[in-house]
Amino acid sequence: MILKEILQKIVESGNFILLSDSEKDWKASDLLNGLSERTLKTCAHHQQGMYIAEINDAGYLGRVIYRVKQKV
């Protein structure tokens, strides 16, 4: 699955979550509209309620791209 598909699913589900990187918290819709097409095509895995991580060329989880936070 690619990052774009993961973000689209989060937006469509209506989940009230924020995605946190090293700089700030983001809404999934803001990331969909703001990230480059190249970044959105990154292979990734969404562990519900925890994180979104890259999947490396060997098929293993790589770095955590975003941590999931519940929106309050």
Protein backbone atom coordinates (compact mmCIF):
# COMPACT_ATOMS: atom_id res chain seq x y z
CA MET A 1 0.00 0.00 0.00
CA ILE A 2 1.23 3.51 -0.65
CA LEU A 3 1.05 6.52 1.66
CA LYS A 4 -1.59 8.21 -0.51
CA GLU A 5 -3.99 5.24 -0.11
CA ILE A 6 -3.46 5.17 3.65
CA LEU A 7 -4.18 8.90 3.99
CA GLN A 8 -7.27 8.60 1.76
CA LYS A 9 -8.63 5.78 3.93
CA ILE A 10 -8.11 7.85 7.08
CA VAL A 11 -9.92 10.83 5.52
CA GLU A 12 -12.79 8.67 4.24
CA SER A 13 -13.23 6.92 7.59
CA GLY A 14 -13.77 10.23 9.37
CA ASN A 15 -11.41 9.21 12.18
CA PHE A 16 -10.50 12.12 14.40
CA ILE A 17 -6.75 11.54 14.49
CA LEU A 18 -3.66 13.63 13.97
CA LEU A 19 -0.46 12.41 12.37
CA SER A 20 2.63 13.66 14.14
CA ASP A 21 6.08 14.00 12.61
CA SER A 22 9.17 15.57 14.16
CA GLU A 23 7.86 19.07 13.46
CA LYS A 24 4.12 19.21 14.11
CA ASP A 25 0.73 17.47 14.08
CA TRP A 26 -1.10 17.13 10.76
CA LYS A 27 -4.58 16.24 9.58
CA ALA A 28 -4.54 13.49 6.95
CA SER A 29 -6.36 15.76 4.49
CA ASP A 30 -3.66 18.44 4.85
CA LEU A 31 -0.97 15.88 4.09
CA LEU A 32 -2.86 14.63 1.04
CA ASN A 33 -3.06 18.16 -0.32
CA GLY A 34 0.44 19.27 0.69
CA LEU A 35 2.81 16.37 0.05
CA SER A 36 4.50 15.83 -3.31
CA GLU A 37 3.33 13.00 -5.58
CA ARG A 38 6.71 11.32 -5.07
CA THR A 39 6.24 11.29 -1.29
CA LEU A 40 2.65 10.09 -1.60
CA LYS A 41 3.88 7.09 -3.64
CA THR A 42 6.07 5.87 -0.75
CA CYS A 43 5.28 2.25 0.18
CA ALA A 44 3.99 2.31 3.75
CA HIS A 45 2.20 0.38 6.48
CA HIS A 46 -0.45 1.81 8.83
CA GLN A 47 -0.54 0.21 12.27
CA GLN A 48 -3.93 1.42 13.50
CA GLY A 49 -3.70 3.70 16.49
CA MET A 50 0.10 3.69 16.51
CA TYR A 51 2.04 4.81 13.44
CA ILE A 52 2.56 4.94 9.68
CA ALA A 53 5.95 3.52 8.68
CA GLU A 54 7.85 3.20 5.42
CA ILE A 55 8.30 -0.23 3.90
CA ASN A 56 11.85 -0.61 2.57
CA ASP A 57 12.92 -2.30 -0.68
CA ALA A 58 13.36 -5.64 1.11
CA GLY A 59 9.75 -5.52 2.32
CA TYR A 60 10.53 -4.73 5.97
CA LEU A 61 9.27 -1.84 8.06
CA GLY A 62 11.60 1.13 7.88
CA ARG A 63 11.44 4.44 9.66
CA VAL A 64 8.25 5.68 11.26
CA ILE A 65 6.92 8.54 9.12
CA TYR A 66 4.02 9.62 11.36
CA ARG A 67 2.83 8.70 14.84
CA VAL A 68 -0.93 8.54 15.30
CA LYS A 69 -2.47 10.78 17.97
CA GLN A 70 -6.11 10.93 19.00
CA LYS A 71 -7.60 14.34 18.32
CA VAL A 72 -9.17 15.89 21.41
